[in-house]
Amino acid sequence: MSATTDKIKGNWNQLKGKVKQEYAELTDDDLKYAEGKEDELLGRIQEKTGKTKDEVKSFIDKL
């Protein structure tokens, strides 16, 4: 399990607001999180923002 996954599981509700501030094009639906579906969440963010998975993970890890 990666640090990103741990961070998402631990406090996604707090992180979600910061992610929305950085990537305004994301909707609440894009940022829905279900436990065990971290890769799907990262994929949706990646698809909407045009960032690589590593860029998205790096941003979340810095929060």
PDB file of N, CA and C in Angstrom:
ATOM      1  N   MET A   1       0.847  -1.178   0.000  1.00  0.00           N
ATOM      2  CA  MET A   1       0.000   0.000   0.000  1.00  0.00           C
ATOM      3  C   MET A   1       0.894   1.244   0.000  1.00  0.00           C
ATOM      4  N   SER A   2       0.570   2.192  -0.837  1.00  0.00           N
ATOM      5  CA  SER A   2       1.405   3.378  -0.964  1.00  0.00           C
ATOM      6  C   SER A   2       1.021   4.449   0.053  1.00  0.00           C
ATOM      7  N   ALA A   3       1.897   5.407   0.205  1.00  0.00           N
ATOM      8  CA  ALA A   3       1.625   6.531   1.101  1.00  0.00           C
ATOM      9  C   ALA A   3       0.404   7.307   0.621  1.00  0.00           C
ATOM     10  N   THR A   4       0.254   7.401  -0.690  1.00  0.00           N
ATOM     11  CA  THR A   4      -0.905   8.101  -1.249  1.00  0.00           C
ATOM     12  C   THR A   4      -2.195   7.400  -0.838  1.00  0.00           C
ATOM     13  N   THR A   5      -2.210   6.088  -0.969  1.00  0.00           N
ATOM     14  CA  THR A   5      -3.393   5.311  -0.596  1.00  0.00           C
ATOM     15  C   THR A   5      -3.704   5.485   0.879  1.00  0.00           C
ATOM     16  N   ASP A   6      -2.685   5.444   1.721  1.00  0.00           N
ATOM     17  CA  ASP A   6      -2.878   5.658   3.159  1.00  0.00           C
ATOM     18  C   ASP A   6      -3.477   7.026   3.438  1.00  0.00           C
ATOM     19  N   LYS A   7      -2.971   8.019   2.735  1.00  0.00           N
ATOM     20  CA  LYS A   7      -3.440   9.392   2.937  1.00  0.00           C
ATOM     21  C   LYS A   7      -4.903   9.520   2.505  1.00  0.00           C
ATOM     22  N   ILE A   8      -5.237   8.925   1.366  1.00  0.00           N
ATOM     23  CA  ILE A   8      -6.608   8.976   0.869  1.00  0.00           C
ATOM     24  C   ILE A   8      -7.541   8.292   1.864  1.00  0.00           C
ATOM     25  N   LYS A   9      -7.162   7.117   2.328  1.00  0.00           N
ATOM     26  CA  LYS A   9      -8.006   6.386   3.280  1.00  0.00           C
ATOM     27  C   LYS A   9      -8.181   7.163   4.576  1.00  0.00           C
ATOM     28  N   GLY A  10      -7.108   7.792   5.038  1.00  0.00           N
ATOM     29  CA  GLY A  10      -7.118   8.428   6.342  1.00  0.00           C
ATOM     30  C   GLY A  10      -7.938   9.699   6.443  1.00  0.00           C
ATOM     31  N   ASN A  11      -7.842  10.555   5.466  1.00  0.00           N
ATOM     32  CA  ASN A  11      -8.533  11.833   5.594  1.00  0.00           C
ATOM     33  C   ASN A  11      -8.926  12.423   4.241  1.00  0.00           C
ATOM     34  N   TRP A  12      -9.602  11.619   3.435  1.00  0.00           N
ATOM     35  CA  TRP A  12      -9.988  12.080   2.107  1.00  0.00           C
ATOM     36  C   TRP A  12     -10.913  13.288   2.167  1.00  0.00           C
ATOM     37  N   ASN A  13     -11.819  13.342   3.111  1.00  0.00           N
ATOM     38  CA  ASN A  13     -12.746  14.487   3.176  1.00  0.00           C
ATOM     39  C   ASN A  13     -11.996  15.800   3.342  1.00  0.00           C
ATOM     40  N   GLN A  14     -10.921  15.804   4.104  1.00  0.00           N
ATOM     41  CA  GLN A  14     -10.121  17.018   4.267  1.00  0.00           C
ATOM     42  C   GLN A  14      -9.304  17.317   3.013  1.00  0.00           C
ATOM     43  N   LEU A  15      -8.753  16.289   2.417  1.00  0.00           N
ATOM     44  CA  LEU A  15      -7.910  16.471   1.236  1.00  0.00           C
ATOM     45  C   LEU A  15      -8.710  16.901   0.015  1.00  0.00           C
ATOM     46  N   LYS A  16      -9.951  16.439  -0.059  1.00  0.00           N
ATOM     47  CA  LYS A  16     -10.792  16.692  -1.229  1.00  0.00           C
ATOM     48  C   LYS A  16     -10.900  18.193  -1.532  1.00  0.00           C
ATOM     49  N   GLY A  17     -11.069  19.003  -0.520  1.00  0.00           N
ATOM     50  CA  GLY A  17     -11.176  20.449  -0.728  1.00  0.00           C
ATOM     51  C   GLY A  17      -9.915  21.042  -1.328  1.00  0.00           C
ATOM     52  N   LYS A  18      -8.771  20.577  -0.877  1.00  0.00           N
ATOM     53  CA  LYS A  18      -7.497  21.071  -1.406  1.00  0.00           C
ATOM     54  C   LYS A  18      -7.294  20.627  -2.847  1.00  0.00           C
ATOM     55  N   VAL A  19      -7.718  19.405  -3.152  1.00  0.00           N
ATOM     56  CA  VAL A  19      -7.607  18.906  -4.521  1.00  0.00           C
ATOM     57  C   VAL A  19      -8.513  19.731  -5.436  1.00  0.00           C
ATOM     58  N   LYS A  20      -9.714  20.051  -4.980  1.00  0.00           N
ATOM     59  CA  LYS A  20     -10.640  20.866  -5.782  1.00  0.00           C
ATOM     60  C   LYS A  20     -10.098  22.271  -6.000  1.00  0.00           C
ATOM     61  N   GLN A  21      -9.396  22.820  -4.999  1.00  0.00           N
ATOM     62  CA  GLN A  21      -8.803  24.144  -5.174  1.00  0.00           C
ATOM     63  C   GLN A  21      -7.727  24.121  -6.259  1.00  0.00           C
ATOM     64  N   GLU A  22      -6.924  23.076  -6.267  1.00  0.00           N
ATOM     65  CA  GLU A  22      -5.832  22.954  -7.246  1.00  0.00           C
ATOM     66  C   GLU A  22      -6.359  22.642  -8.639  1.00  0.00           C
ATOM     67  N   TYR A  23      -7.367  21.775  -8.712  1.00  0.00           N
ATOM     68  CA  TYR A  23      -7.910  21.321  -9.990  1.00  0.00           C
ATOM     69  C   TYR A  23      -9.394  21.672 -10.038  1.00  0.00           C
ATOM     70  N   ALA A  24      -9.680  22.912 -10.380  1.00  0.00           N
ATOM     71  CA  ALA A  24     -11.050  23.428 -10.338  1.00  0.00           C
ATOM     72  C   ALA A  24     -11.998  22.677 -11.273  1.00  0.00           C
ATOM     73  N   GLU A  25     -11.462  21.990 -12.265  1.00  0.00           N
ATOM     74  CA  GLU A  25     -12.319  21.286 -13.234  1.00  0.00           C
ATOM     75  C   GLU A  25     -12.932  20.014 -12.667  1.00  0.00           C
ATOM     76  N   LEU A  26     -12.495  19.594 -11.489  1.00  0.00           N
ATOM     77  CA  LEU A  26     -13.019  18.376 -10.882  1.00  0.00           C
ATOM     78  C   LEU A  26     -14.358  18.631 -10.192  1.00  0.00           C
ATOM     79  N   THR A  27     -15.275  17.702 -10.335  1.00  0.00           N
ATOM     80  CA  THR A  27     -16.581  17.804  -9.691  1.00  0.00           C
ATOM     81  C   THR A  27     -16.619  16.909  -8.456  1.00  0.00           C
ATOM     82  N   ASP A  28     -17.655  17.040  -7.661  1.00  0.00           N
ATOM     83  CA  ASP A  28     -17.830  16.163  -6.506  1.00  0.00           C
ATOM     84  C   ASP A  28     -17.923  14.700  -6.947  1.00  0.00           C
ATOM     85  N   ASP A  29     -18.569  14.456  -8.086  1.00  0.00           N
ATOM     86  CA  ASP A  29     -18.657  13.089  -8.600  1.00  0.00           C
ATOM     87  C   ASP A  29     -17.276  12.534  -8.946  1.00  0.00           C
ATOM     88  N   ASP A  30     -16.420  13.379  -9.511  1.00  0.00           N
ATOM     89  CA  ASP A  30     -15.061  12.950  -9.838  1.00  0.00           C
ATOM     90  C   ASP A  30     -14.297  12.547  -8.579  1.00  0.00           C
ATOM     91  N   LEU A  31     -14.624  13.194  -7.473  1.00  0.00           N
ATOM     92  CA  LEU A  31     -13.866  13.011  -6.240  1.00  0.00           C
ATOM     93  C   LEU A  31     -14.538  12.083  -5.240  1.00  0.00           C
ATOM     94  N   LYS A  32     -15.557  11.342  -5.686  1.00  0.00           N
ATOM     95  CA  LYS A  32     -16.174  10.357  -4.796  1.00  0.00           C
ATOM     96  C   LYS A  32     -15.169   9.256  -4.506  1.00  0.00           C
ATOM     97  N   TYR A  33     -15.084   8.878  -3.255  1.00  0.00           N
ATOM     98  CA  TYR A  33     -14.122   7.860  -2.840  1.00  0.00           C
ATOM     99  C   TYR A  33     -14.830   6.714  -2.159  1.00  0.00           C
ATOM    100  N   ALA A  34     -14.497   5.516  -2.563  1.00  0.00           N
ATOM    101  CA  ALA A  34     -14.981   4.308  -1.894  1.00  0.00           C
ATOM    102  C   ALA A  34     -13.752   3.506  -1.499  1.00  0.00           C
ATOM    103  N   GLU A  35     -13.743   3.014  -0.273  1.00  0.00           N
ATOM    104  CA  GLU A  35     -12.589   2.263   0.210  1.00  0.00           C
ATOM    105  C   GLU A  35     -12.268   1.109  -0.729  1.00  0.00           C
ATOM    106  N   GLY A  36     -10.983   0.957  -1.024  1.00  0.00           N
ATOM    107  CA  GLY A  36     -10.538  -0.078  -1.947  1.00  0.00           C
ATOM    108  C   GLY A  36     -10.539   0.370  -3.399  1.00  0.00           C
ATOM    109  N   LYS A  37     -11.009   1.576  -3.658  1.00  0.00           N
ATOM    110  CA  LYS A  37     -11.116   2.083  -5.031  1.00  0.00           C
ATOM    111  C   LYS A  37     -10.187   3.279  -5.262  1.00  0.00           C
ATOM    112  N   GLU A  38      -9.056   3.298  -4.558  1.00  0.00           N
ATOM    113  CA  GLU A  38      -8.138   4.421  -4.668  1.00  0.00           C
ATOM    114  C   GLU A  38      -7.635   4.613  -6.099  1.00  0.00           C
ATOM    115  N   ASP A  39      -7.330   3.508  -6.790  1.00  0.00           N
ATOM    116  CA  ASP A  39      -6.836   3.616  -8.160  1.00  0.00           C
ATOM    117  C   ASP A  39      -7.875   4.217  -9.095  1.00  0.00           C
ATOM    118  N   GLU A  40      -9.137   3.876  -8.880  1.00  0.00           N
ATOM    119  CA  GLU A  40     -10.201   4.467  -9.697  1.00  0.00           C
ATOM    120  C   GLU A  40     -10.285   5.970  -9.459  1.00  0.00           C
ATOM    121  N   LEU A  41     -10.182   6.379  -8.204  1.00  0.00           N
ATOM    122  CA  LEU A  41     -10.211   7.804  -7.855  1.00  0.00           C
ATOM    123  C   LEU A  41      -9.051   8.524  -8.530  1.00  0.00           C
ATOM    124  N   LEU A  42      -7.853   7.980  -8.408  1.00  0.00           N
ATOM    125  CA  LEU A  42      -6.687   8.600  -9.035  1.00  0.00           C
ATOM    126  C   LEU A  42      -6.848   8.644 -10.550  1.00  0.00           C
ATOM    127  N   GLY A  43      -7.428   7.612 -11.129  1.00  0.00           N
ATOM    128  CA  GLY A  43      -7.664   7.584 -12.570  1.00  0.00           C
ATOM    129  C   GLY A  43      -8.620   8.668 -13.022  1.00  0.00           C
ATOM    130  N   ARG A  44      -9.683   8.894 -12.257  1.00  0.00           N
ATOM    131  CA  ARG A  44     -10.639   9.961 -12.603  1.00  0.00           C
ATOM    132  C   ARG A  44      -9.964  11.321 -12.532  1.00  0.00           C
ATOM    133  N   ILE A  45      -9.174  11.549 -11.486  1.00  0.00           N
ATOM    134  CA  ILE A  45      -8.466  12.827 -11.352  1.00  0.00           C
ATOM    135  C   ILE A  45      -7.498  12.994 -12.518  1.00  0.00           C
ATOM    136  N   GLN A  46      -6.774  11.944 -12.829  1.00  0.00           N
ATOM    137  CA  GLN A  46      -5.808  11.969 -13.922  1.00  0.00           C
ATOM    138  C   GLN A  46      -6.491  12.285 -15.249  1.00  0.00           C
ATOM    139  N   GLU A  47      -7.593  11.617 -15.510  1.00  0.00           N
ATOM    140  CA  GLU A  47      -8.320  11.809 -16.771  1.00  0.00           C
ATOM    141  C   GLU A  47      -8.818  13.240 -16.918  1.00  0.00           C
ATOM    142  N   LYS A  48      -9.378  13.797 -15.854  1.00  0.00           N
ATOM    143  CA  LYS A  48      -9.960  15.143 -15.910  1.00  0.00           C
ATOM    144  C   LYS A  48      -8.911  16.240 -15.983  1.00  0.00           C
ATOM    145  N   THR A  49      -7.760  16.015 -15.338  1.00  0.00           N
ATOM    146  CA  THR A  49      -6.751  17.079 -15.252  1.00  0.00           C
ATOM    147  C   THR A  49      -5.679  16.976 -16.334  1.00  0.00           C
ATOM    148  N   GLY A  50      -5.557  15.807 -16.951  1.00  0.00           N
ATOM    149  CA  GLY A  50      -4.508  15.621 -17.943  1.00  0.00           C
ATOM    150  C   GLY A  50      -3.137  15.394 -17.319  1.00  0.00           C
ATOM    151  N   LYS A  51      -3.098  15.231 -16.007  1.00  0.00           N
ATOM    152  CA  LYS A  51      -1.838  14.976 -15.290  1.00  0.00           C
ATOM    153  C   LYS A  51      -1.543  13.485 -15.316  1.00  0.00           C
ATOM    154  N   THR A  52      -0.280  13.133 -15.124  1.00  0.00           N
ATOM    155  CA  THR A  52       0.067  11.723 -15.024  1.00  0.00           C
ATOM    156  C   THR A  52      -0.325  11.217 -13.647  1.00  0.00           C
ATOM    157  N   LYS A  53      -0.411   9.902 -13.520  1.00  0.00           N
ATOM    158  CA  LYS A  53      -0.745   9.316 -12.220  1.00  0.00           C
ATOM    159  C   LYS A  53       0.298   9.714 -11.178  1.00  0.00           C
ATOM    160  N   ASP A  54       1.571   9.737 -11.571  1.00  0.00           N
ATOM    161  CA  ASP A  54       2.627  10.128 -10.645  1.00  0.00           C
ATOM    162  C   ASP A  54       2.487  11.588 -10.209  1.00  0.00           C
ATOM    163  N   GLU A  55       2.079  12.469 -11.132  1.00  0.00           N
ATOM    164  CA  GLU A  55       1.880  13.877 -10.776  1.00  0.00           C
ATOM    165  C   GLU A  55       0.739  14.028  -9.773  1.00  0.00           C
ATOM    166  N   VAL A  56      -0.340  13.291  -9.986  1.00  0.00           N
ATOM    167  CA  VAL A  56      -1.480  13.350  -9.072  1.00  0.00           C
ATOM    168  C   VAL A  56      -1.072  12.812  -7.702  1.00  0.00           C
ATOM    169  N   LYS A  57      -0.387  11.660  -7.687  1.00  0.00           N
ATOM    170  CA  LYS A  57       0.057  11.085  -6.419  1.00  0.00           C
ATOM    171  C   LYS A  57       0.999  12.027  -5.687  1.00  0.00           C
ATOM    172  N   SER A  58       1.918  12.630  -6.415  1.00  0.00           N
ATOM    173  CA  SER A  58       2.876  13.552  -5.813  1.00  0.00           C
ATOM    174  C   SER A  58       2.158  14.743  -5.186  1.00  0.00           C
ATOM    175  N   PHE A  59       1.163  15.281  -5.876  1.00  0.00           N
ATOM    176  CA  PHE A  59       0.403  16.408  -5.334  1.00  0.00           C
ATOM    177  C   PHE A  59      -0.303  16.001  -4.035  1.00  0.00           C
ATOM    178  N   ILE A  60      -0.974  14.864  -4.050  1.00  0.00           N
ATOM    179  CA  ILE A  60      -1.686  14.402  -2.855  1.00  0.00           C
ATOM    180  C   ILE A  60      -0.717  14.131  -1.723  1.00  0.00           C
ATOM    181  N   ASP A  61       0.438  13.544  -2.029  1.00  0.00           N
ATOM    182  CA  ASP A  61       1.426  13.243  -0.986  1.00  0.00           C
ATOM    183  C   ASP A  61       1.944  14.508  -0.315  1.00  0.00           C
ATOM    184  N   LYS A  62       1.964  15.625  -1.039  1.00  0.00           N
ATOM    185  CA  LYS A  62       2.466  16.898  -0.496  1.00  0.00           C
ATOM    186  C   LYS A  62       1.452  17.584   0.413  1.00  0.00           C
ATOM    187  N   LEU A  63       0.200  17.182   0.348  1.00  0.00           N
ATOM    188  CA  LEU A  63      -0.842  17.838   1.153  1.00  0.00           C
ATOM    189  C   LEU A  63      -0.715  17.492   2.605  1.00  0.00           C
TER     190      LEU A  63
END
